Amino acid sequence: MTRVVQRALSGIAITMNVLAGAMLLYLILSAAVDVVVRALTGRGIPGSIEYGEVALVMLAFLSLARTQQKDGHVTVDLLTSRLPRRTAAGLELVGMSVALVFLIWMTWASYEQAVVSVARGEYRFGTVSAPVWPARVAIAASLAALVGVIAVHLVRLFLELRGRSGRAADLEPPPLHADEKAL
């Protein structure tokens, strides 16, 4: 079952990552066009900042789940790299469990805000009225996907620690060969 859930989450995370890439492309192109228009006319494109802010928020959140799947977030392993693998995995289990609780709370709060934002048709006012609700929906969906990715990771880590997966051997030191005697 974990494998089916993991596959579904990968599809969702990849789709969100593609959308994040689209937001990055939009930011690059809108900035370039805004610079050219400003150079030619002396005025920028109305709304480019407001829409850029919304796209930037979406870019930041939509890539979270896939980055977590690929173990791409910044980590400091100064302590855990010096510990036995089993102990380090246990600490990771505890730390990720705390993070999961916090992320579940964030997801729920973001979901509630997204529902209100969509219902109101929330906009940000500036030189133009830019819709904010797509970013709020993206935040809630991204956090939900991140919760799923971390939950699957925790299940796999727990099973590894219990020795119930094929990768449990990774947690134990390799056996000595017959010609390598412990001193």
Protein backbone atom coordinates (compact mmCIF):
# COMPACT_ATOMS: atom_id res chain seq x y z
CA MET A 1 0.00 0.00 0.00
CA THR A 2 2.82 2.39 0.80
CA ARG A 3 4.13 1.96 -2.73
CA VAL A 4 0.76 2.93 -4.28
CA VAL A 5 0.49 6.00 -2.07
CA GLN A 6 4.09 6.89 -2.80
CA ARG A 7 3.46 6.66 -6.56
CA ALA A 8 0.38 8.86 -6.30
CA LEU A 9 2.27 11.39 -4.22
CA SER A 10 5.12 11.38 -6.73
CA GLY A 11 2.69 12.19 -9.53
CA ILE A 12 1.19 15.02 -7.51
CA ALA A 13 4.60 16.34 -6.46
CA ILE A 14 5.94 16.23 -10.01
CA THR A 15 2.86 18.06 -11.31
CA MET A 16 3.27 20.72 -8.62
CA ASN A 17 6.95 21.02 -9.48
CA VAL A 18 6.08 21.57 -13.15
CA LEU A 19 3.65 24.30 -12.09
CA ALA A 20 6.42 25.84 -9.96
CA GLY A 21 8.62 25.82 -13.05
CA ALA A 22 5.87 27.58 -14.99
CA MET A 23 5.72 30.25 -12.28
CA LEU A 24 9.49 30.70 -12.53
CA LEU A 25 9.25 31.04 -16.30
CA TYR A 26 6.45 33.59 -15.89
CA LEU A 27 8.56 35.60 -13.43
CA ILE A 28 11.55 35.61 -15.76
CA LEU A 29 9.55 36.55 -18.85
CA SER A 30 7.43 39.18 -17.13
CA ALA A 31 10.51 40.83 -15.62
CA ALA A 32 12.27 40.86 -18.99
CA VAL A 33 9.26 42.25 -20.82
CA ASP A 34 8.69 44.82 -18.07
CA VAL A 35 12.30 46.04 -18.40
CA VAL A 36 11.99 46.37 -22.18
CA VAL A 37 8.65 48.18 -21.97
CA ARG A 38 10.00 50.48 -19.25
CA ALA A 39 13.07 51.29 -21.40
CA LEU A 40 10.93 52.05 -24.46
CA THR A 41 8.04 53.90 -22.83
CA GLY A 42 9.37 55.10 -19.50
CA ARG A 43 6.62 53.15 -17.69
CA GLY A 44 6.43 49.54 -16.59
CA ILE A 45 3.65 47.10 -17.26
CA PRO A 46 0.77 47.72 -14.84
CA GLY A 47 0.29 44.80 -12.47
CA SER A 48 3.60 43.10 -13.13
CA ILE A 49 4.64 43.49 -9.49
CA GLU A 50 1.27 42.36 -8.09
CA TYR A 51 1.06 39.29 -10.32
CA GLY A 52 4.75 38.62 -9.71
CA GLU A 53 4.17 38.50 -5.95
CA VAL A 54 1.43 35.90 -6.37
CA ALA A 55 3.59 33.84 -8.76
CA LEU A 56 6.54 33.99 -6.37
CA VAL A 57 4.49 32.61 -3.49
CA MET A 58 3.23 29.80 -5.71
CA LEU A 59 6.77 29.06 -6.91
CA ALA A 60 8.06 28.77 -3.35
CA PHE A 61 5.34 26.42 -2.09
CA LEU A 62 4.63 24.27 -5.15
CA SER A 63 8.14 22.82 -5.14
CA LEU A 64 8.19 21.73 -1.48
CA ALA A 65 6.87 18.16 -1.81
CA ARG A 66 9.11 17.15 -4.72
CA THR A 67 12.14 18.69 -3.06
CA GLN A 68 11.38 16.64 0.07
CA GLN A 69 10.98 13.48 -2.01
CA LYS A 70 14.37 14.05 -3.57
CA ASP A 71 15.93 14.85 -0.16
CA GLY A 72 16.84 18.26 -1.53
CA HIS A 73 16.14 20.46 1.47
CA VAL A 74 19.09 21.93 3.31
CA THR A 75 20.09 19.80 6.29
CA VAL A 76 22.84 19.97 8.87
CA ASP A 77 24.13 16.56 9.79
CA LEU A 78 27.04 17.61 11.98
CA LEU A 79 25.76 15.42 14.83
CA THR A 80 23.87 12.66 13.04
CA SER A 81 26.70 11.89 10.62
CA ARG A 82 28.82 10.86 13.59
CA LEU A 83 26.18 8.57 15.09
CA PRO A 84 25.48 4.94 14.21
CA ARG A 85 23.00 4.72 11.33
CA ARG A 86 20.28 3.19 13.51
CA THR A 87 20.54 5.98 16.11
CA ALA A 88 20.59 8.65 13.41
CA ALA A 89 17.49 7.09 11.80
CA GLY A 90 15.74 7.11 15.19
CA LEU A 91 16.52 10.80 15.64
CA GLU A 92 15.28 11.48 12.13
CA LEU A 93 12.06 9.66 12.95
CA VAL A 94 11.51 11.85 16.03
CA GLY A 95 12.41 15.09 14.25
CA MET A 96 10.28 14.36 11.20
CA SER A 97 7.36 13.37 13.45
CA VAL A 98 7.51 16.77 15.16
CA ALA A 99 7.72 18.45 11.75
CA LEU A 100 4.72 16.42 10.56
CA VAL A 101 2.57 17.59 13.47
CA PHE A 102 3.51 21.21 12.77
CA LEU A 103 2.85 20.78 9.02
CA ILE A 104 -0.56 19.22 9.63
CA TRP A 105 -1.50 22.30 11.66
CA MET A 106 -0.14 24.60 8.94
CA THR A 107 -2.03 22.67 6.26
CA TRP A 108 -5.31 22.94 8.13
CA ALA A 109 -4.87 26.66 8.78
CA SER A 110 -3.90 27.26 5.13
CA TYR A 111 -6.87 25.22 3.91
CA GLU A 112 -9.26 27.33 5.99
CA GLN A 113 -7.73 30.54 4.61
CA ALA A 114 -7.90 29.20 1.05
CA VAL A 115 -11.61 28.37 1.38
CA VAL A 116 -12.37 31.88 2.63
CA SER A 117 -10.16 33.45 -0.04
CA VAL A 118 -11.84 31.54 -2.87
CA ALA A 119 -15.31 32.28 -1.51
CA ARG A 120 -14.54 36.00 -1.34
CA GLY A 121 -12.59 36.11 -4.58
CA GLU A 122 -9.73 37.71 -2.64
CA TYR A 123 -7.66 40.23 -4.57
CA ARG A 124 -4.58 42.29 -3.80
CA PHE A 125 -4.95 45.92 -4.66
CA GLY A 126 -2.10 47.87 -6.20
CA THR A 127 -1.85 49.41 -9.63
CA VAL A 128 -4.20 46.57 -10.64
CA SER A 129 -6.33 44.08 -8.72
CA ALA A 130 -4.46 40.77 -8.74
CA PRO A 131 -6.20 37.62 -7.47
CA VAL A 132 -4.59 36.23 -4.31
CA TRP A 133 -6.74 33.13 -3.97
CA PRO A 134 -4.71 31.01 -6.44
CA ALA A 135 -1.66 31.44 -4.21
CA ARG A 136 -3.67 30.54 -1.10
CA VAL A 137 -4.96 27.38 -2.79
CA ALA A 138 -1.42 26.51 -3.93
CA ILE A 139 -0.10 26.95 -0.38
CA ALA A 140 -2.74 24.62 1.11
CA ALA A 141 -2.34 22.00 -1.63
CA SER A 142 1.45 22.13 -1.42
CA LEU A 143 1.46 21.70 2.33
CA ALA A 144 -0.98 18.79 2.05
CA ALA A 145 1.31 17.10 -0.48
CA LEU A 146 4.29 17.72 1.80
CA VAL A 147 2.41 16.15 4.71
CA GLY A 148 1.76 13.09 2.55
CA VAL A 149 5.40 12.81 1.47
CA ILE A 150 6.66 13.11 5.04
CA ALA A 151 4.07 10.62 6.33
CA VAL A 152 5.17 8.02 3.75
CA HIS A 153 8.80 8.71 4.63
CA LEU A 154 8.05 8.19 8.33
CA VAL A 155 6.28 4.88 7.66
CA ARG A 156 9.22 3.65 5.59
CA LEU A 157 11.71 4.83 8.22
CA PHE A 158 9.73 3.13 10.99
CA LEU A 159 9.58 -0.11 9.03
CA GLU A 160 13.31 0.07 8.36
CA LEU A 161 14.03 0.54 12.04
CA ARG A 162 11.80 -2.44 12.84
CA GLY A 163 13.56 -4.55 10.21
CA ARG A 164 10.44 -5.08 8.11
CA SER A 165 11.66 -3.74 4.79
CA GLY A 166 14.25 -4.80 2.30
CA ARG A 167 16.44 -1.86 3.23
CA ALA A 168 16.77 -2.69 6.92
CA ALA A 169 20.23 -4.07 6.22
CA ASP A 170 21.32 -0.50 5.55
CA LEU A 171 20.81 0.28 9.21
CA GLU A 172 23.20 -2.42 10.45
CA PRO A 173 26.97 -2.34 10.06
CA PRO A 174 28.23 -4.68 7.34
CA PRO A 175 29.44 -8.08 8.57
CA LEU A 176 33.16 -8.70 8.76
CA HIS A 177 34.69 -11.03 6.18
CA ALA A 178 36.31 -14.20 7.44
CA ASP A 179 39.77 -12.74 6.79
CA GLU A 180 38.94 -9.48 8.65
CA LYS A 181 39.13 -10.18 12.36
CA ALA A 182 38.12 -7.54 14.87
CA LEU A 183 41.12 -6.48 16.90
